[in-house]
Amino acid sequence: MAGQRSAAQEEVRFRVLRLLQDNPEMSQRELANAVRISVGGAHYVLSALIEKGLIKLGNFSASSDKRRYAYILTPKGVVEKTALTKRLFLRKCAEYDALKAEIMALHDEVGTGITPHE
C-alpha cells in the first residue's frame, strides 16, 4: 500500500513540475484542477517543492493583480523533473507490459473468436 501511495505522490509531483515548467503563472486552483487534486493538496505539494528547492516563488509581473505568483523551476527542479520522468516512464512501461500479458491471457482463455481490439 505504501508503495502505491508513494508512486501516486511521485506522479503528482511530476505532473505539477511538468505543468509549472510550461505554465509558471498557473494559480493553485488551476493547478489543482489540472492535476485533479484539491486546492489544499496543491498548496501542500507546492509548499513541499518550494521547501525542497525545486521551485521558487516570484511575482508574476505581467498580471494586473500583483498578488499573483509565478512558480519557477529551479535548476535542481529541472534535474528532479528529469529523474521523475525517467522513473514514471519505466513504471508505465512495466504496467503496460503487465496489462498486455493479462490481455493476452484473457484472450487465450476466451478463445480465438475475439481479437483484442474488438
PDB file of N, CA and C in Angstrom:
ATOM      1  N   MET A   1       0.815  -1.192   0.000  1.00  0.00           N
ATOM      2  CA  MET A   1       0.000   0.000   0.000  1.00  0.00           C
ATOM      3  C   MET A   1       0.862   1.259   0.000  1.00  0.00           C
ATOM      4  N   ALA A   2       1.907   1.252   0.809  1.00  0.00           N
ATOM      5  CA  ALA A   2       2.786   2.421   0.877  1.00  0.00           C
ATOM      6  C   ALA A   2       3.466   2.664  -0.459  1.00  0.00           C
ATOM      7  N   GLY A   3       3.807   1.584  -1.171  1.00  0.00           N
ATOM      8  CA  GLY A   3       4.435   1.725  -2.473  1.00  0.00           C
ATOM      9  C   GLY A   3       3.518   2.383  -3.476  1.00  0.00           C
ATOM     10  N   GLN A   4       2.236   2.023  -3.445  1.00  0.00           N
ATOM     11  CA  GLN A   4       1.266   2.632  -4.350  1.00  0.00           C
ATOM     12  C   GLN A   4       1.070   4.107  -4.021  1.00  0.00           C
ATOM     13  N   ARG A   5       1.032   4.431  -2.731  1.00  0.00           N
ATOM     14  CA  ARG A   5       0.863   5.820  -2.320  1.00  0.00           C
ATOM     15  C   ARG A   5       2.073   6.639  -2.753  1.00  0.00           C
ATOM     16  N   SER A   6       3.260   6.074  -2.561  1.00  0.00           N
ATOM     17  CA  SER A   6       4.485   6.760  -2.949  1.00  0.00           C
ATOM     18  C   SER A   6       4.516   6.994  -4.462  1.00  0.00           C
ATOM     19  N   ALA A   7       4.101   5.985  -5.231  1.00  0.00           N
ATOM     20  CA  ALA A   7       4.068   6.125  -6.689  1.00  0.00           C
ATOM     21  C   ALA A   7       3.061   7.194  -7.099  1.00  0.00           C
ATOM     22  N   ALA A   8       1.912   7.232  -6.428  1.00  0.00           N
ATOM     23  CA  ALA A   8       0.894   8.239  -6.747  1.00  0.00           C
ATOM     24  C   ALA A   8       1.395   9.634  -6.397  1.00  0.00           C
ATOM     25  N   GLN A   9       2.064   9.771  -5.254  1.00  0.00           N
ATOM     26  CA  GLN A   9       2.610  11.074  -4.859  1.00  0.00           C
ATOM     27  C   GLN A   9       3.694  11.514  -5.828  1.00  0.00           C
ATOM     28  N   GLU A  10       4.503  10.571  -6.264  1.00  0.00           N
ATOM     29  CA  GLU A  10       5.563  10.886  -7.221  1.00  0.00           C
ATOM     30  C   GLU A  10       4.955  11.348  -8.541  1.00  0.00           C
ATOM     31  N   GLU A  11       3.876  10.705  -8.947  1.00  0.00           N
ATOM     32  CA  GLU A  11       3.227  11.095 -10.196  1.00  0.00           C
ATOM     33  C   GLU A  11       2.621  12.499 -10.077  1.00  0.00           C
ATOM     34  N   VAL A  12       2.047  12.828  -8.932  1.00  0.00           N
ATOM     35  CA  VAL A  12       1.506  14.171  -8.715  1.00  0.00           C
ATOM     36  C   VAL A  12       2.631  15.199  -8.787  1.00  0.00           C
ATOM     37  N   ARG A  13       3.753  14.914  -8.111  1.00  0.00           N
ATOM     38  CA  ARG A  13       4.900  15.846  -8.153  1.00  0.00           C
ATOM     39  C   ARG A  13       5.376  16.035  -9.595  1.00  0.00           C
ATOM     40  N   PHE A  14       5.459  14.942 -10.343  1.00  0.00           N
ATOM     41  CA  PHE A  14       5.878  15.019 -11.741  1.00  0.00           C
ATOM     42  C   PHE A  14       4.923  15.901 -12.541  1.00  0.00           C
ATOM     43  N   ARG A  15       3.616  15.653 -12.392  1.00  0.00           N
ATOM     44  CA  ARG A  15       2.635  16.412 -13.165  1.00  0.00           C
ATOM     45  C   ARG A  15       2.669  17.897 -12.798  1.00  0.00           C
ATOM     46  N   VAL A  16       2.852  18.201 -11.510  1.00  0.00           N
ATOM     47  CA  VAL A  16       2.944  19.599 -11.076  1.00  0.00           C
ATOM     48  C   VAL A  16       4.181  20.261 -11.679  1.00  0.00           C
ATOM     49  N   LEU A  17       5.328  19.594 -11.578  1.00  0.00           N
ATOM     50  CA  LEU A  17       6.561  20.163 -12.147  1.00  0.00           C
ATOM     51  C   LEU A  17       6.435  20.348 -13.651  1.00  0.00           C
ATOM     52  N   ARG A  18       5.835  19.391 -14.310  1.00  0.00           N
ATOM     53  CA  ARG A  18       5.666  19.464 -15.768  1.00  0.00           C
ATOM     54  C   ARG A  18       4.773  20.644 -16.147  1.00  0.00           C
ATOM     55  N   LEU A  19       3.660  20.793 -15.439  1.00  0.00           N
ATOM     56  CA  LEU A  19       2.750  21.898 -15.727  1.00  0.00           C
ATOM     57  C   LEU A  19       3.404  23.247 -15.450  1.00  0.00           C
ATOM     58  N   LEU A  20       4.113  23.342 -14.326  1.00  0.00           N
ATOM     59  CA  LEU A  20       4.732  24.624 -13.968  1.00  0.00           C
ATOM     60  C   LEU A  20       5.875  24.993 -14.894  1.00  0.00           C
ATOM     61  N   GLN A  21       6.554  23.993 -15.441  1.00  0.00           N
ATOM     62  CA  GLN A  21       7.631  24.299 -16.377  1.00  0.00           C
ATOM     63  C   GLN A  21       7.075  25.014 -17.605  1.00  0.00           C
ATOM     64  N   ASP A  22       5.890  24.592 -18.051  1.00  0.00           N
ATOM     65  CA  ASP A  22       5.272  25.202 -19.228  1.00  0.00           C
ATOM     66  C   ASP A  22       4.398  26.410 -18.888  1.00  0.00           C
ATOM     67  N   ASN A  23       3.850  26.437 -17.653  1.00  0.00           N
ATOM     68  CA  ASN A  23       2.908  27.483 -17.260  1.00  0.00           C
ATOM     69  C   ASN A  23       3.210  27.968 -15.844  1.00  0.00           C
ATOM     70  N   PRO A  24       4.295  28.690 -15.634  1.00  0.00           N
ATOM     71  CA  PRO A  24       4.670  29.090 -14.277  1.00  0.00           C
ATOM     72  C   PRO A  24       3.656  30.015 -13.605  1.00  0.00           C
ATOM     73  N   GLU A  25       2.775  30.625 -14.381  1.00  0.00           N
ATOM     74  CA  GLU A  25       1.814  31.563 -13.813  1.00  0.00           C
ATOM     75  C   GLU A  25       0.511  30.903 -13.361  1.00  0.00           C
ATOM     76  N   MET A  26       0.419  29.580 -13.439  1.00  0.00           N
ATOM     77  CA  MET A  26      -0.814  28.894 -13.033  1.00  0.00           C
ATOM     78  C   MET A  26      -1.134  29.185 -11.575  1.00  0.00           C
ATOM     79  N   SER A  27      -2.403  29.392 -11.303  1.00  0.00           N
ATOM     80  CA  SER A  27      -2.828  29.579  -9.921  1.00  0.00           C
ATOM     81  C   SER A  27      -2.916  28.199  -9.255  1.00  0.00           C
ATOM     82  N   GLN A  28      -2.988  28.204  -7.945  1.00  0.00           N
ATOM     83  CA  GLN A  28      -3.123  26.936  -7.224  1.00  0.00           C
ATOM     84  C   GLN A  28      -4.417  26.239  -7.627  1.00  0.00           C
ATOM     85  N   ARG A  29      -5.474  26.998  -7.836  1.00  0.00           N
ATOM     86  CA  ARG A  29      -6.749  26.404  -8.241  1.00  0.00           C
ATOM     87  C   ARG A  29      -6.640  25.769  -9.627  1.00  0.00           C
ATOM     88  N   GLU A  30      -6.020  26.469 -10.570  1.00  0.00           N
ATOM     89  CA  GLU A  30      -5.836  25.924 -11.921  1.00  0.00           C
ATOM     90  C   GLU A  30      -4.974  24.670 -11.880  1.00  0.00           C
ATOM     91  N   LEU A  31      -3.938  24.722 -11.088  1.00  0.00           N
ATOM     92  CA  LEU A  31      -3.038  23.584 -10.948  1.00  0.00           C
ATOM     93  C   LEU A  31      -3.776  22.389 -10.340  1.00  0.00           C
ATOM     94  N   ALA A  32      -4.559  22.649  -9.299  1.00  0.00           N
ATOM     95  CA  ALA A  32      -5.325  21.586  -8.649  1.00  0.00           C
ATOM     96  C   ALA A  32      -6.288  20.936  -9.639  1.00  0.00           C
ATOM     97  N   ASN A  33      -6.973  21.747 -10.435  1.00  0.00           N
ATOM     98  CA  ASN A  33      -7.903  21.202 -11.429  1.00  0.00           C
ATOM     99  C   ASN A  33      -7.179  20.370 -12.480  1.00  0.00           C
ATOM    100  N   ALA A  34      -6.043  20.856 -12.932  1.00  0.00           N
ATOM    101  CA  ALA A  34      -5.288  20.141 -13.974  1.00  0.00           C
ATOM    102  C   ALA A  34      -4.742  18.806 -13.480  1.00  0.00           C
ATOM    103  N   VAL A  35      -4.329  18.765 -12.226  1.00  0.00           N
ATOM    104  CA  VAL A  35      -3.734  17.552 -11.662  1.00  0.00           C
ATOM    105  C   VAL A  35      -4.805  16.665 -11.008  1.00  0.00           C
ATOM    106  N   ARG A  36      -5.996  17.232 -10.834  1.00  0.00           N
ATOM    107  CA  ARG A  36      -7.127  16.531 -10.218  1.00  0.00           C
ATOM    108  C   ARG A  36      -6.872  16.218  -8.743  1.00  0.00           C
ATOM    109  N   ILE A  37      -6.438  17.250  -8.038  1.00  0.00           N
ATOM    110  CA  ILE A  37      -6.276  17.175  -6.595  1.00  0.00           C
ATOM    111  C   ILE A  37      -6.988  18.379  -5.997  1.00  0.00           C
ATOM    112  N   SER A  38      -7.143  18.392  -4.692  1.00  0.00           N
ATOM    113  CA  SER A  38      -7.796  19.530  -4.040  1.00  0.00           C
ATOM    114  C   SER A  38      -6.868  20.748  -4.059  1.00  0.00           C
ATOM    115  N   VAL A  39      -7.449  21.909  -3.857  1.00  0.00           N
ATOM    116  CA  VAL A  39      -6.642  23.129  -3.782  1.00  0.00           C
ATOM    117  C   VAL A  39      -5.693  23.032  -2.590  1.00  0.00           C
ATOM    118  N   GLY A  40      -6.169  22.483  -1.477  1.00  0.00           N
ATOM    119  CA  GLY A  40      -5.305  22.275  -0.315  1.00  0.00           C
ATOM    120  C   GLY A  40      -4.161  21.325  -0.639  1.00  0.00           C
ATOM    121  N   GLY A  41      -4.458  20.283  -1.426  1.00  0.00           N
ATOM    122  CA  GLY A  41      -3.415  19.351  -1.852  1.00  0.00           C
ATOM    123  C   GLY A  41      -2.387  20.033  -2.733  1.00  0.00           C
ATOM    124  N   ALA A  42      -2.864  20.905  -3.624  1.00  0.00           N
ATOM    125  CA  ALA A  42      -1.945  21.652  -4.492  1.00  0.00           C
ATOM    126  C   ALA A  42      -1.061  22.569  -3.654  1.00  0.00           C
ATOM    127  N   HIS A  43      -1.654  23.220  -2.657  1.00  0.00           N
ATOM    128  CA  HIS A  43      -0.877  24.089  -1.772  1.00  0.00           C
ATOM    129  C   HIS A  43       0.190  23.285  -1.040  1.00  0.00           C
ATOM    130  N   TYR A  44      -0.173  22.125  -0.554  1.00  0.00           N
ATOM    131  CA  TYR A  44       0.760  21.254   0.162  1.00  0.00           C
ATOM    132  C   TYR A  44       1.923  20.839  -0.749  1.00  0.00           C
ATOM    133  N   VAL A  45       1.604  20.404  -1.975  1.00  0.00           N
ATOM    134  CA  VAL A  45       2.642  19.969  -2.923  1.00  0.00           C
ATOM    135  C   VAL A  45       3.559  21.140  -3.272  1.00  0.00           C
ATOM    136  N   LEU A  46       2.972  22.299  -3.552  1.00  0.00           N
ATOM    137  CA  LEU A  46       3.780  23.470  -3.894  1.00  0.00           C
ATOM    138  C   LEU A  46       4.687  23.876  -2.739  1.00  0.00           C
ATOM    139  N   SER A  47       4.153  23.859  -1.536  1.00  0.00           N
ATOM    140  CA  SER A  47       4.969  24.200  -0.361  1.00  0.00           C
ATOM    141  C   SER A  47       6.139  23.242  -0.210  1.00  0.00           C
ATOM    142  N   ALA A  48       5.879  21.955  -0.412  1.00  0.00           N
ATOM    143  CA  ALA A  48       6.945  20.951  -0.300  1.00  0.00           C
ATOM    144  C   ALA A  48       7.995  21.152  -1.387  1.00  0.00           C
ATOM    145  N   LEU A  49       7.558  21.467  -2.603  1.00  0.00           N
ATOM    146  CA  LEU A  49       8.507  21.681  -3.705  1.00  0.00           C
ATOM    147  C   LEU A  49       9.344  22.929  -3.465  1.00  0.00           C
ATOM    148  N   ILE A  50       8.736  23.963  -2.893  1.00  0.00           N
ATOM    149  CA  ILE A  50       9.486  25.183  -2.555  1.00  0.00           C
ATOM    150  C   ILE A  50      10.497  24.868  -1.454  1.00  0.00           C
ATOM    151  N   GLU A  51      10.053  24.138  -0.431  1.00  0.00           N
ATOM    152  CA  GLU A  51      10.937  23.793   0.693  1.00  0.00           C
ATOM    153  C   GLU A  51      12.130  22.955   0.237  1.00  0.00           C
ATOM    154  N   LYS A  52      11.912  22.086  -0.747  1.00  0.00           N
ATOM    155  CA  LYS A  52      12.998  21.244  -1.263  1.00  0.00           C
ATOM    156  C   LYS A  52      13.881  21.986  -2.256  1.00  0.00           C
ATOM    157  N   GLY A  53      13.492  23.202  -2.605  1.00  0.00           N
ATOM    158  CA  GLY A  53      14.288  23.997  -3.532  1.00  0.00           C
ATOM    159  C   GLY A  53      14.083  23.619  -4.987  1.00  0.00           C
ATOM    160  N   LEU A  54      12.966  22.955  -5.297  1.00  0.00           N
ATOM    161  CA  LEU A  54      12.704  22.526  -6.671  1.00  0.00           C
ATOM    162  C   LEU A  54      11.990  23.605  -7.482  1.00  0.00           C
ATOM    163  N   ILE A  55      11.251  24.461  -6.794  1.00  0.00           N
ATOM    164  CA  ILE A  55      10.637  25.615  -7.446  1.00  0.00           C
ATOM    165  C   ILE A  55      10.860  26.827  -6.556  1.00  0.00           C
ATOM    166  N   LYS A  56      10.800  27.988  -7.179  1.00  0.00           N
ATOM    167  CA  LYS A  56      10.878  29.219  -6.396  1.00  0.00           C
ATOM    168  C   LYS A  56       9.655  30.049  -6.733  1.00  0.00           C
ATOM    169  N   LEU A  57       9.305  30.885  -5.811  1.00  0.00           N
ATOM    170  CA  LEU A  57       8.113  31.702  -5.932  1.00  0.00           C
ATOM    171  C   LEU A  57       8.521  33.113  -6.307  1.00  0.00           C
ATOM    172  N   GLY A  58       7.883  33.647  -7.327  1.00  0.00           N
ATOM    173  CA  GLY A  58       8.165  35.016  -7.731  1.00  0.00           C
ATOM    174  C   GLY A  58       6.881  35.706  -8.122  1.00  0.00           C
ATOM    175  N   ASN A  59       6.875  37.019  -8.157  1.00  0.00           N
ATOM    176  CA  ASN A  59       5.694  37.758  -8.607  1.00  0.00           C
ATOM    177  C   ASN A  59       5.545  37.581 -10.109  1.00  0.00           C
ATOM    178  N   PHE A  60       4.310  37.464 -10.542  1.00  0.00           N
ATOM    179  CA  PHE A  60       4.006  37.350 -11.969  1.00  0.00           C
ATOM    180  C   PHE A  60       3.828  38.762 -12.503  1.00  0.00           C
ATOM    181  N   SER A  61       4.863  39.299 -13.107  1.00  0.00           N
ATOM    182  CA  SER A  61       4.914  40.721 -13.451  1.00  0.00           C
ATOM    183  C   SER A  61       3.894  41.132 -14.503  1.00  0.00           C
ATOM    184  N   ALA A  62       3.457  40.226 -15.356  1.00  0.00           N
ATOM    185  CA  ALA A  62       2.524  40.599 -16.420  1.00  0.00           C
ATOM    186  C   ALA A  62       1.088  40.713 -15.911  1.00  0.00           C
ATOM    187  N   SER A  63       0.843  40.295 -14.693  1.00  0.00           N
ATOM    188  CA  SER A  63      -0.504  40.314 -14.148  1.00  0.00           C
ATOM    189  C   SER A  63      -0.834  41.685 -13.573  1.00  0.00           C
ATOM    190  N   SER A  64      -2.076  42.117 -13.785  1.00  0.00           N
ATOM    191  CA  SER A  64      -2.519  43.369 -13.164  1.00  0.00           C
ATOM    192  C   SER A  64      -2.728  43.165 -11.662  1.00  0.00           C
ATOM    193  N   ASP A  65      -2.993  41.928 -11.260  1.00  0.00           N
ATOM    194  CA  ASP A  65      -3.144  41.584  -9.847  1.00  0.00           C
ATOM    195  C   ASP A  65      -1.768  41.188  -9.315  1.00  0.00           C
ATOM    196  N   LYS A  66      -1.136  42.090  -8.586  1.00  0.00           N
ATOM    197  CA  LYS A  66       0.229  41.850  -8.121  1.00  0.00           C
ATOM    198  C   LYS A  66       0.303  40.794  -7.022  1.00  0.00           C
ATOM    199  N   ARG A  67      -0.846  40.259  -6.617  1.00  0.00           N
ATOM    200  CA  ARG A  67      -0.849  39.162  -5.646  1.00  0.00           C
ATOM    201  C   ARG A  67      -0.618  37.820  -6.332  1.00  0.00           C
ATOM    202  N   ARG A  68      -0.678  37.800  -7.661  1.00  0.00           N
ATOM    203  CA  ARG A  68      -0.452  36.560  -8.404  1.00  0.00           C
ATOM    204  C   ARG A  68       1.034  36.217  -8.368  1.00  0.00           C
ATOM    205  N   TYR A  69       1.304  34.949  -8.334  1.00  0.00           N
ATOM    206  CA  TYR A  69       2.680  34.485  -8.270  1.00  0.00           C
ATOM    207  C   TYR A  69       3.006  33.594  -9.457  1.00  0.00           C
ATOM    208  N   ALA A  70       4.284  33.468  -9.718  1.00  0.00           N
ATOM    209  CA  ALA A  70       4.780  32.526 -10.721  1.00  0.00           C
ATOM    210  C   ALA A  70       5.617  31.492  -9.971  1.00  0.00           C
ATOM    211  N   TYR A  71       5.424  30.249 -10.328  1.00  0.00           N
ATOM    212  CA  TYR A  71       6.182  29.148  -9.733  1.00  0.00           C
ATOM    213  C   TYR A  71       7.215  28.711 -10.759  1.00  0.00           C
ATOM    214  N   ILE A  72       8.472  29.021 -10.495  1.00  0.00           N
ATOM    215  CA  ILE A  72       9.539  28.807 -11.473  1.00  0.00           C
ATOM    216  C   ILE A  72      10.417  27.641 -11.042  1.00  0.00           C
ATOM    217  N   LEU A  73      10.620  26.693 -11.958  1.00  0.00           N
ATOM    218  CA  LEU A  73      11.501  25.569 -11.652  1.00  0.00           C
ATOM    219  C   LEU A  73      12.927  26.064 -11.500  1.00  0.00           C
ATOM    220  N   THR A  74      13.573  25.603 -10.465  1.00  0.00           N
ATOM    221  CA  THR A  74      14.986  25.903 -10.250  1.00  0.00           C
ATOM    222  C   THR A  74      15.798  24.885 -11.043  1.00  0.00           C
ATOM    223  N   PRO A  75      17.095  25.093 -11.213  1.00  0.00           N
ATOM    224  CA  PRO A  75      17.916  24.065 -11.867  1.00  0.00           C
ATOM    225  C   PRO A  75      17.778  22.706 -11.166  1.00  0.00           C
ATOM    226  N   LYS A  76      17.713  22.723  -9.841  1.00  0.00           N
ATOM    227  CA  LYS A  76      17.505  21.481  -9.085  1.00  0.00           C
ATOM    228  C   LYS A  76      16.143  20.867  -9.433  1.00  0.00           C
ATOM    229  N   GLY A  77      15.138  21.711  -9.645  1.00  0.00           N
ATOM    230  CA  GLY A  77      13.811  21.240 -10.024  1.00  0.00           C
ATOM    231  C   GLY A  77      13.802  20.595 -11.393  1.00  0.00           C
ATOM    232  N   VAL A  78      14.562  21.159 -12.319  1.00  0.00           N
ATOM    233  CA  VAL A  78      14.653  20.588 -13.669  1.00  0.00           C
ATOM    234  C   VAL A  78      15.307  19.202 -13.602  1.00  0.00           C
ATOM    235  N   VAL A  79      16.355  19.075 -12.792  1.00  0.00           N
ATOM    236  CA  VAL A  79      17.025  17.779 -12.626  1.00  0.00           C
ATOM    237  C   VAL A  79      16.059  16.767 -12.015  1.00  0.00           C
ATOM    238  N   GLU A  80      15.318  17.178 -10.996  1.00  0.00           N
ATOM    239  CA  GLU A  80      14.354  16.283 -10.344  1.00  0.00           C
ATOM    240  C   GLU A  80      13.236  15.889 -11.307  1.00  0.00           C
ATOM    241  N   LYS A  81      12.750  16.830 -12.115  1.00  0.00           N
ATOM    242  CA  LYS A  81      11.702  16.521 -13.087  1.00  0.00           C
ATOM    243  C   LYS A  81      12.205  15.497 -14.099  1.00  0.00           C
ATOM    244  N   THR A  82      13.438  15.624 -14.515  1.00  0.00           N
ATOM    245  CA  THR A  82      14.025  14.659 -15.447  1.00  0.00           C
ATOM    246  C   THR A  82      14.092  13.269 -14.814  1.00  0.00           C
ATOM    247  N   ALA A  83      14.520  13.194 -13.558  1.00  0.00           N
ATOM    248  CA  ALA A  83      14.592  11.912 -12.855  1.00  0.00           C
ATOM    249  C   ALA A  83      13.194  11.321 -12.672  1.00  0.00           C
ATOM    250  N   LEU A  84      12.222  12.157 -12.320  1.00  0.00           N
ATOM    251  CA  LEU A  84      10.841  11.688 -12.173  1.00  0.00           C
ATOM    252  C   LEU A  84      10.296  11.184 -13.508  1.00  0.00           C
ATOM    253  N   THR A  85      10.624  11.880 -14.586  1.00  0.00           N
ATOM    254  CA  THR A  85      10.176  11.469 -15.914  1.00  0.00           C
ATOM    255  C   THR A  85      10.681  10.067 -16.230  1.00  0.00           C
ATOM    256  N   LYS A  86      11.943   9.820 -15.948  1.00  0.00           N
ATOM    257  CA  LYS A  86      12.531   8.509 -16.229  1.00  0.00           C
ATOM    258  C   LYS A  86      11.860   7.423 -15.385  1.00  0.00           C
ATOM    259  N   ARG A  87      11.694   7.683 -14.080  1.00  0.00           N
ATOM    260  CA  ARG A  87      11.068   6.681 -13.211  1.00  0.00           C
ATOM    261  C   ARG A  87       9.621   6.420 -13.619  1.00  0.00           C
ATOM    262  N   LEU A  88       8.886   7.477 -13.951  1.00  0.00           N
ATOM    263  CA  LEU A  88       7.496   7.321 -14.369  1.00  0.00           C
ATOM    264  C   LEU A  88       7.413   6.550 -15.685  1.00  0.00           C
ATOM    265  N   PHE A  89       8.300   6.858 -16.608  1.00  0.00           N
ATOM    266  CA  PHE A  89       8.330   6.150 -17.890  1.00  0.00           C
ATOM    267  C   PHE A  89       8.569   4.654 -17.679  1.00  0.00           C
ATOM    268  N   LEU A  90       9.548   4.326 -16.853  1.00  0.00           N
ATOM    269  CA  LEU A  90       9.843   2.912 -16.595  1.00  0.00           C
ATOM    270  C   LEU A  90       8.676   2.213 -15.905  1.00  0.00           C
ATOM    271  N   ARG A  91       8.039   2.888 -14.948  1.00  0.00           N
ATOM    272  CA  ARG A  91       6.899   2.297 -14.245  1.00  0.00           C
ATOM    273  C   ARG A  91       5.724   2.089 -15.198  1.00  0.00           C
ATOM    274  N   LYS A  92       5.450   3.069 -16.058  1.00  0.00           N
ATOM    275  CA  LYS A  92       4.335   2.952 -17.004  1.00  0.00           C
ATOM    276  C   LYS A  92       4.608   1.860 -18.034  1.00  0.00           C
ATOM    277  N   CYS A  93       5.866   1.710 -18.447  1.00  0.00           N
ATOM    278  CA  CYS A  93       6.213   0.629 -19.376  1.00  0.00           C
ATOM    279  C   CYS A  93       5.971  -0.733 -18.726  1.00  0.00           C
ATOM    280  N   ALA A  94       6.335  -0.875 -17.459  1.00  0.00           N
ATOM    281  CA  ALA A  94       6.108  -2.129 -16.733  1.00  0.00           C
ATOM    282  C   ALA A  94       4.612  -2.396 -16.592  1.00  0.00           C
ATOM    283  N   GLU A  95       3.832  -1.357 -16.283  1.00  0.00           N
ATOM    284  CA  GLU A  95       2.378  -1.504 -16.194  1.00  0.00           C
ATOM    285  C   GLU A  95       1.796  -1.917 -17.536  1.00  0.00           C
ATOM    286  N   TYR A  96       2.291  -1.317 -18.607  1.00  0.00           N
ATOM    287  CA  TYR A  96       1.832  -1.644 -19.951  1.00  0.00           C
ATOM    288  C   TYR A  96       2.131  -3.105 -20.273  1.00  0.00           C
ATOM    289  N   ASP A  97       3.346  -3.543 -19.976  1.00  0.00           N
ATOM    290  CA  ASP A  97       3.717  -4.929 -20.247  1.00  0.00           C
ATOM    291  C   ASP A  97       2.845  -5.906 -19.459  1.00  0.00           C
ATOM    292  N   ALA A  98       2.581  -5.578 -18.189  1.00  0.00           N
ATOM    293  CA  ALA A  98       1.741  -6.442 -17.362  1.00  0.00           C
ATOM    294  C   ALA A  98       0.308  -6.475 -17.893  1.00  0.00           C
ATOM    295  N   LEU A  99      -0.197  -5.333 -18.306  1.00  0.00           N
ATOM    296  CA  LEU A  99      -1.550  -5.271 -18.846  1.00  0.00           C
ATOM    297  C   LEU A  99      -1.647  -6.026 -20.167  1.00  0.00           C
ATOM    298  N   LYS A 100      -0.633  -5.880 -20.985  1.00  0.00           N
ATOM    299  CA  LYS A 100      -0.609  -6.586 -22.260  1.00  0.00           C
ATOM    300  C   LYS A 100      -0.604  -8.103 -22.037  1.00  0.00           C
ATOM    301  N   ALA A 101       0.179  -8.572 -21.060  1.00  0.00           N
ATOM    302  CA  ALA A 101       0.223 -10.007 -20.743  1.00  0.00           C
ATOM    303  C   ALA A 101      -1.142 -10.477 -20.230  1.00  0.00           C
ATOM    304  N   GLU A 102      -1.792  -9.657 -19.405  1.00  0.00           N
ATOM    305  CA  GLU A 102      -3.114 -10.023 -18.893  1.00  0.00           C
ATOM    306  C   GLU A 102      -4.142 -10.089 -20.015  1.00  0.00           C
ATOM    307  N   ILE A 103      -4.077  -9.150 -20.937  1.00  0.00           N
ATOM    308  CA  ILE A 103      -4.989  -9.155 -22.089  1.00  0.00           C
ATOM    309  C   ILE A 103      -4.780 -10.415 -22.915  1.00  0.00           C
ATOM    310  N   MET A 104      -3.535 -10.783 -23.148  1.00  0.00           N
ATOM    311  CA  MET A 104      -3.261 -11.990 -23.937  1.00  0.00           C
ATOM    312  C   MET A 104      -3.744 -13.242 -23.208  1.00  0.00           C
ATOM    313  N   ALA A 105      -3.582 -13.293 -21.888  1.00  0.00           N
ATOM    314  CA  ALA A 105      -4.060 -14.437 -21.108  1.00  0.00           C
ATOM    315  C   ALA A 105      -5.576 -14.530 -21.182  1.00  0.00           C
ATOM    316  N   LEU A 106      -6.252 -13.403 -21.080  1.00  0.00           N
ATOM    317  CA  LEU A 106      -7.709 -13.404 -21.200  1.00  0.00           C
ATOM    318  C   LEU A 106      -8.142 -13.800 -22.607  1.00  0.00           C
ATOM    319  N   HIS A 107      -7.416 -13.333 -23.579  1.00  0.00           N
ATOM    320  CA  HIS A 107      -7.702 -13.697 -24.971  1.00  0.00           C
ATOM    321  C   HIS A 107      -7.584 -15.199 -25.160  1.00  0.00           C
ATOM    322  N   ASP A 108      -6.521 -15.777 -24.611  1.00  0.00           N
ATOM    323  CA  ASP A 108      -6.334 -17.227 -24.717  1.00  0.00           C
ATOM    324  C   ASP A 108      -7.447 -17.975 -23.994  1.00  0.00           C
ATOM    325  N   GLU A 109      -7.910 -17.418 -22.886  1.00  0.00           N
ATOM    326  CA  GLU A 109      -8.973 -18.048 -22.104  1.00  0.00           C
ATOM    327  C   GLU A 109     -10.311 -18.014 -22.846  1.00  0.00           C
ATOM    328  N   VAL A 110     -10.590 -16.888 -23.504  1.00  0.00           N
ATOM    329  CA  VAL A 110     -11.858 -16.724 -24.217  1.00  0.00           C
ATOM    330  C   VAL A 110     -11.857 -17.531 -25.505  1.00  0.00           C
ATOM    331  N   GLY A 111     -10.749 -17.588 -26.152  1.00  0.00           N
ATOM    332  CA  GLY A 111     -10.659 -18.332 -27.402  1.00  0.00           C
ATOM    333  C   GLY A 111     -10.310 -17.437 -28.568  1.00  0.00           C
ATOM    334  N   THR A 112     -10.297 -18.031 -29.742  1.00  0.00           N
ATOM    335  CA  THR A 112      -9.836 -17.304 -30.920  1.00  0.00           C
ATOM    336  C   THR A 112     -10.935 -16.546 -31.633  1.00  0.00           C
ATOM    337  N   GLY A 113     -12.148 -16.556 -31.139  1.00  0.00           N
ATOM    338  CA  GLY A 113     -13.245 -15.858 -31.807  1.00  0.00           C
ATOM    339  C   GLY A 113     -13.224 -14.354 -31.595  1.00  0.00           C
ATOM    340  N   ILE A 114     -12.379 -13.867 -30.714  1.00  0.00           N
ATOM    341  CA  ILE A 114     -12.331 -12.444 -30.402  1.00  0.00           C
ATOM    342  C   ILE A 114     -10.903 -11.950 -30.586  1.00  0.00           C
ATOM    343  N   THR A 115     -10.787 -10.769 -31.182  1.00  0.00           N
ATOM    344  CA  THR A 115      -9.475 -10.145 -31.271  1.00  0.00           C
ATOM    345  C   THR A 115      -9.367  -9.100 -30.162  1.00  0.00           C
ATOM    346  N   PRO A 116      -8.183  -8.806 -29.679  1.00  0.00           N
ATOM    347  CA  PRO A 116      -8.021  -7.870 -28.557  1.00  0.00           C
ATOM    348  C   PRO A 116      -8.563  -6.468 -28.812  1.00  0.00           C
ATOM    349  N   HIS A 117      -8.809  -6.079 -30.059  1.00  0.00           N
ATOM    350  CA  HIS A 117      -9.216  -4.705 -30.353  1.00  0.00           C
ATOM    351  C   HIS A 117     -10.700  -4.580 -30.608  1.00  0.00           C
ATOM    352  N   GLU A 118     -11.486  -5.615 -30.365  1.00  0.00           N
ATOM    353  CA  GLU A 118     -12.941  -5.522 -30.604  1.00  0.00           C
ATOM    354  C   GLU A 118     -13.633  -4.913 -29.424  1.00  0.00           C
TER     355      GLU A 118
END
